Amino acid sequence: MKIIMILLTLFTLGFSAQIDEFASEVSYVRDYNKALKIAKEQKKVLMLVLVGDYCPWCKKFERKTLKSKEVREAVAKNFIAVVIDKYKDKGKYPEKFYAPVIPAVYFIDPRTEKSLVETVAYMKKEEFLENAEDAIGLCPKGLK
């Protein structure tokens, strides 16, 4: 029984490390409150990405969409991005953003914490960029 528990712990830590590694690679924050503070200071829209360590569509979304050059440039220019594990980080981000399906992306006004645009499920980079443009278009005055 101890061996099973040790293996499960190592398996779980491995997936958490994958999300941390992804966040580091694309310069996303891993803490919602820290990202919110930065977004307020820099007057940028907060982009919340919800994923799960077990989710193959989340991995594909990270690999094919979020890591693409065009998406990385658009995110760096226009948003403060935070990536959250929907289950492991539960309670560490507002409950109103608990998506029923992952991957999910919320573009949020950091001053009010209201969602400007919400997406769920895997998106190709073109669709993601359209949603990002919509969020920029809905961006309230005073935000970049």
C-alpha atoms as a PDB file:
ATOM      1  CA  MET A   1       0.000   0.000   0.000  1.00  0.00           C
ATOM      2  CA  LYS A   2       2.852   2.375   0.809  1.00  0.00           C
ATOM      3  CA  ILE A   3       4.357   1.770  -2.621  1.00  0.00           C
ATOM      4  CA  ILE A   4       1.065   2.658  -4.308  1.00  0.00           C
ATOM      5  CA  MET A   5       0.810   5.887  -2.297  1.00  0.00           C
ATOM      6  CA  ILE A   6       4.398   6.815  -3.121  1.00  0.00           C
ATOM      7  CA  LEU A   7       3.829   6.139  -6.828  1.00  0.00           C
ATOM      8  CA  LEU A   8       0.613   8.186  -6.827  1.00  0.00           C
ATOM      9  CA  THR A   9       2.384  11.065  -5.101  1.00  0.00           C
ATOM     10  CA  LEU A  10       5.262  11.005  -7.581  1.00  0.00           C
ATOM     11  CA  PHE A  11       2.825  10.765 -10.496  1.00  0.00           C
ATOM     12  CA  THR A  12       0.848  13.769  -9.208  1.00  0.00           C
ATOM     13  CA  LEU A  13       3.980  15.821  -8.564  1.00  0.00           C
ATOM     14  CA  GLY A  14       5.151  15.077 -12.083  1.00  0.00           C
ATOM     15  CA  PHE A  15       2.011  16.586 -13.577  1.00  0.00           C
ATOM     16  CA  SER A  16       2.209  19.656 -11.335  1.00  0.00           C
ATOM     17  CA  ALA A  17       5.782  20.107 -12.450  1.00  0.00           C
ATOM     18  CA  GLN A  18       4.590  19.971 -16.072  1.00  0.00           C
ATOM     19  CA  ILE A  19       2.222  22.899 -15.521  1.00  0.00           C
ATOM     20  CA  ASP A  20       4.958  24.821 -13.702  1.00  0.00           C
ATOM     21  CA  GLU A  21       7.381  24.080 -16.544  1.00  0.00           C
ATOM     22  CA  PHE A  22       4.844  25.239 -19.139  1.00  0.00           C
ATOM     23  CA  ALA A  23       4.176  28.445 -17.170  1.00  0.00           C
ATOM     24  CA  SER A  24       7.879  29.166 -16.948  1.00  0.00           C
ATOM     25  CA  GLU A  25       8.451  28.472 -20.640  1.00  0.00           C
ATOM     26  CA  VAL A  26       5.742  30.887 -21.825  1.00  0.00           C
ATOM     27  CA  SER A  27       6.163  33.429 -18.980  1.00  0.00           C
ATOM     28  CA  TYR A  28       2.766  32.855 -17.363  1.00  0.00           C
ATOM     29  CA  VAL A  29       2.207  33.445 -13.661  1.00  0.00           C
ATOM     30  CA  ARG A  30       1.064  30.457 -11.538  1.00  0.00           C
ATOM     31  CA  ASP A  31      -0.672  32.455  -8.774  1.00  0.00           C
ATOM     32  CA  TYR A  32      -4.027  34.139  -9.518  1.00  0.00           C
ATOM     33  CA  ASN A  33      -3.709  36.905  -6.911  1.00  0.00           C
ATOM     34  CA  LYS A  34      -0.168  37.749  -7.982  1.00  0.00           C
ATOM     35  CA  ALA A  35      -1.253  37.912 -11.641  1.00  0.00           C
ATOM     36  CA  LEU A  36      -4.246  40.084 -10.718  1.00  0.00           C
ATOM     37  CA  LYS A  37      -1.971  42.511  -8.873  1.00  0.00           C
ATOM     38  CA  ILE A  38       0.414  42.724 -11.850  1.00  0.00           C
ATOM     39  CA  ALA A  39      -2.503  43.231 -14.265  1.00  0.00           C
ATOM     40  CA  LYS A  40      -3.808  46.114 -12.142  1.00  0.00           C
ATOM     41  CA  GLU A  41      -0.355  47.707 -11.918  1.00  0.00           C
ATOM     42  CA  GLN A  42       0.322  47.378 -15.650  1.00  0.00           C
ATOM     43  CA  LYS A  43      -3.284  48.192 -16.591  1.00  0.00           C
ATOM     44  CA  LYS A  44      -3.599  45.077 -18.732  1.00  0.00           C
ATOM     45  CA  VAL A  45      -6.360  42.521 -19.117  1.00  0.00           C
ATOM     46  CA  LEU A  46      -5.849  39.384 -17.029  1.00  0.00           C
ATOM     47  CA  MET A  47      -5.900  36.148 -19.035  1.00  0.00           C
ATOM     48  CA  LEU A  48      -6.804  33.151 -16.862  1.00  0.00           C
ATOM     49  CA  VAL A  49      -6.075  29.742 -18.409  1.00  0.00           C
ATOM     50  CA  LEU A  50      -7.611  26.729 -16.647  1.00  0.00           C
ATOM     51  CA  VAL A  51      -6.124  23.330 -17.372  1.00  0.00           C
ATOM     52  CA  GLY A  52      -5.897  19.916 -15.749  1.00  0.00           C
ATOM     53  CA  ASP A  53      -2.869  17.739 -15.379  1.00  0.00           C
ATOM     54  CA  TYR A  54      -4.702  14.688 -16.743  1.00  0.00           C
ATOM     55  CA  CYS A  55      -6.365  16.466 -19.683  1.00  0.00           C
ATOM     56  CA  PRO A  56      -5.036  15.557 -23.150  1.00  0.00           C
ATOM     57  CA  TRP A  57      -6.895  18.474 -24.777  1.00  0.00           C
ATOM     58  CA  CYS A  58      -5.246  20.848 -22.311  1.00  0.00           C
ATOM     59  CA  LYS A  59      -1.814  19.517 -23.240  1.00  0.00           C
ATOM     60  CA  LYS A  60      -2.634  19.907 -26.931  1.00  0.00           C
ATOM     61  CA  PHE A  61      -3.904  23.464 -26.306  1.00  0.00           C
ATOM     62  CA  GLU A  62      -0.685  24.338 -24.479  1.00  0.00           C
ATOM     63  CA  ARG A  63       1.562  22.710 -27.082  1.00  0.00           C
ATOM     64  CA  LYS A  64      -0.180  23.690 -30.345  1.00  0.00           C
ATOM     65  CA  THR A  65      -1.845  26.990 -29.456  1.00  0.00           C
ATOM     66  CA  LEU A  66      -0.360  28.747 -26.452  1.00  0.00           C
ATOM     67  CA  LYS A  67       3.251  27.947 -27.365  1.00  0.00           C
ATOM     68  CA  SER A  68       2.878  29.213 -30.946  1.00  0.00           C
ATOM     69  CA  LYS A  69       4.911  32.299 -31.784  1.00  0.00           C
ATOM     70  CA  GLU A  70       1.873  34.398 -32.767  1.00  0.00           C
ATOM     71  CA  VAL A  71      -0.044  33.605 -29.591  1.00  0.00           C
ATOM     72  CA  ARG A  72       2.978  34.120 -27.345  1.00  0.00           C
ATOM     73  CA  GLU A  73       3.587  37.558 -28.892  1.00  0.00           C
ATOM     74  CA  ALA A  74      -0.080  38.598 -28.604  1.00  0.00           C
ATOM     75  CA  VAL A  75      -0.292  37.458 -24.984  1.00  0.00           C
ATOM     76  CA  ALA A  76       2.970  39.163 -23.974  1.00  0.00           C
ATOM     77  CA  LYS A  77       1.891  42.425 -25.595  1.00  0.00           C
ATOM     78  CA  ASN A  78      -1.708  42.603 -24.382  1.00  0.00           C
ATOM     79  CA  PHE A  79      -2.291  40.467 -21.300  1.00  0.00           C
ATOM     80  CA  ILE A  80      -1.003  39.266 -17.969  1.00  0.00           C
ATOM     81  CA  ALA A  81      -1.437  35.505 -18.208  1.00  0.00           C
ATOM     82  CA  VAL A  82      -1.953  33.074 -15.357  1.00  0.00           C
ATOM     83  CA  VAL A  83      -2.253  29.303 -15.746  1.00  0.00           C
ATOM     84  CA  ILE A  84      -4.151  27.401 -13.070  1.00  0.00           C
ATOM     85  CA  ASP A  85      -4.761  23.698 -12.502  1.00  0.00           C
ATOM     86  CA  LYS A  86      -8.561  23.571 -12.196  1.00  0.00           C
ATOM     87  CA  TYR A  87      -8.495  20.887  -9.514  1.00  0.00           C
ATOM     88  CA  LYS A  88      -5.195  21.177  -7.673  1.00  0.00           C
ATOM     89  CA  ASP A  89      -5.458  24.961  -7.399  1.00  0.00           C
ATOM     90  CA  LYS A  90      -9.143  24.938  -6.409  1.00  0.00           C
ATOM     91  CA  GLY A  91      -9.761  27.611  -3.805  1.00  0.00           C
ATOM     92  CA  LYS A  92      -6.820  29.662  -5.064  1.00  0.00           C
ATOM     93  CA  TYR A  93      -8.845  31.514  -7.697  1.00  0.00           C
ATOM     94  CA  PRO A  94     -12.404  32.949  -7.696  1.00  0.00           C
ATOM     95  CA  GLU A  95     -15.152  30.342  -7.749  1.00  0.00           C
ATOM     96  CA  LYS A  96     -16.994  32.230 -10.487  1.00  0.00           C
ATOM     97  CA  PHE A  97     -14.242  31.101 -12.865  1.00  0.00           C
ATOM     98  CA  TYR A  98     -14.640  27.368 -12.138  1.00  0.00           C
ATOM     99  CA  ALA A  99     -15.261  26.221 -15.714  1.00  0.00           C
ATOM    100  CA  PRO A 100     -17.298  23.074 -16.366  1.00  0.00           C
ATOM    101  CA  VAL A 101     -14.985  22.118 -19.249  1.00  0.00           C
ATOM    102  CA  ILE A 102     -11.230  22.524 -19.684  1.00  0.00           C
ATOM    103  CA  PRO A 103      -9.176  23.924 -21.176  1.00  0.00           C
ATOM    104  CA  ALA A 104     -10.891  27.231 -20.507  1.00  0.00           C
ATOM    105  CA  VAL A 105      -9.699  30.798 -20.941  1.00  0.00           C
ATOM    106  CA  TYR A 106     -11.136  33.890 -19.279  1.00  0.00           C
ATOM    107  CA  PHE A 107     -10.120  37.402 -20.305  1.00  0.00           C
ATOM    108  CA  ILE A 108     -10.806  39.468 -17.183  1.00  0.00           C
ATOM    109  CA  ASP A 109     -10.985  43.179 -16.363  1.00  0.00           C
ATOM    110  CA  PRO A 110      -8.583  43.268 -13.385  1.00  0.00           C
ATOM    111  CA  ARG A 111     -10.302  46.270 -11.813  1.00  0.00           C
ATOM    112  CA  THR A 112     -13.694  44.575 -11.481  1.00  0.00           C
ATOM    113  CA  GLU A 113     -12.728  40.908 -11.942  1.00  0.00           C
ATOM    114  CA  LYS A 114     -15.521  40.599 -14.503  1.00  0.00           C
ATOM    115  CA  SER A 115     -15.006  38.385 -17.499  1.00  0.00           C
ATOM    116  CA  LEU A 116     -14.831  40.155 -20.864  1.00  0.00           C
ATOM    117  CA  VAL A 117     -14.590  36.994 -22.997  1.00  0.00           C
ATOM    118  CA  GLU A 118     -14.797  33.325 -21.992  1.00  0.00           C
ATOM    119  CA  THR A 119     -13.826  30.289 -24.026  1.00  0.00           C
ATOM    120  CA  VAL A 120     -13.957  26.590 -23.280  1.00  0.00           C
ATOM    121  CA  ALA A 121     -12.459  23.570 -25.032  1.00  0.00           C
ATOM    122  CA  TYR A 122      -9.475  23.238 -27.313  1.00  0.00           C
ATOM    123  CA  MET A 123      -8.925  26.072 -29.819  1.00  0.00           C
ATOM    124  CA  LYS A 124      -6.530  26.367 -32.706  1.00  0.00           C
ATOM    125  CA  LYS A 125      -4.293  29.424 -32.625  1.00  0.00           C
ATOM    126  CA  GLU A 126      -6.413  31.325 -35.178  1.00  0.00           C
ATOM    127  CA  GLU A 127      -9.547  30.958 -33.069  1.00  0.00           C
ATOM    128  CA  PHE A 128      -7.637  31.851 -29.911  1.00  0.00           C
ATOM    129  CA  LEU A 129      -6.275  35.018 -31.542  1.00  0.00           C
ATOM    130  CA  GLU A 130      -9.810  36.014 -32.619  1.00  0.00           C
ATOM    131  CA  ASN A 131     -11.005  35.667 -29.019  1.00  0.00           C
ATOM    132  CA  ALA A 132      -8.003  37.655 -27.789  1.00  0.00           C
ATOM    133  CA  GLU A 133      -8.856  40.410 -30.285  1.00  0.00           C
ATOM    134  CA  ASP A 134     -12.458  40.390 -29.032  1.00  0.00           C
ATOM    135  CA  ALA A 135     -11.183  40.818 -25.469  1.00  0.00           C
ATOM    136  CA  ILE A 136      -8.981  43.721 -26.534  1.00  0.00           C
ATOM    137  CA  GLY A 137     -11.966  45.287 -28.323  1.00  0.00           C
ATOM    138  CA  LEU A 138     -14.081  44.971 -25.178  1.00  0.00           C
ATOM    139  CA  CYS A 139     -11.288  46.328 -23.023  1.00  0.00           C
ATOM    140  CA  PRO A 140     -12.629  49.157 -20.841  1.00  0.00           C
ATOM    141  CA  LYS A 141     -11.015  52.584 -20.953  1.00  0.00           C
ATOM    142  CA  GLY A 142      -7.999  52.840 -18.733  1.00  0.00           C
ATOM    143  CA  LEU A 143      -6.679  49.410 -19.652  1.00  0.00           C
ATOM    144  CA  LYS A 144      -4.143  48.775 -22.398  1.00  0.00           C
END
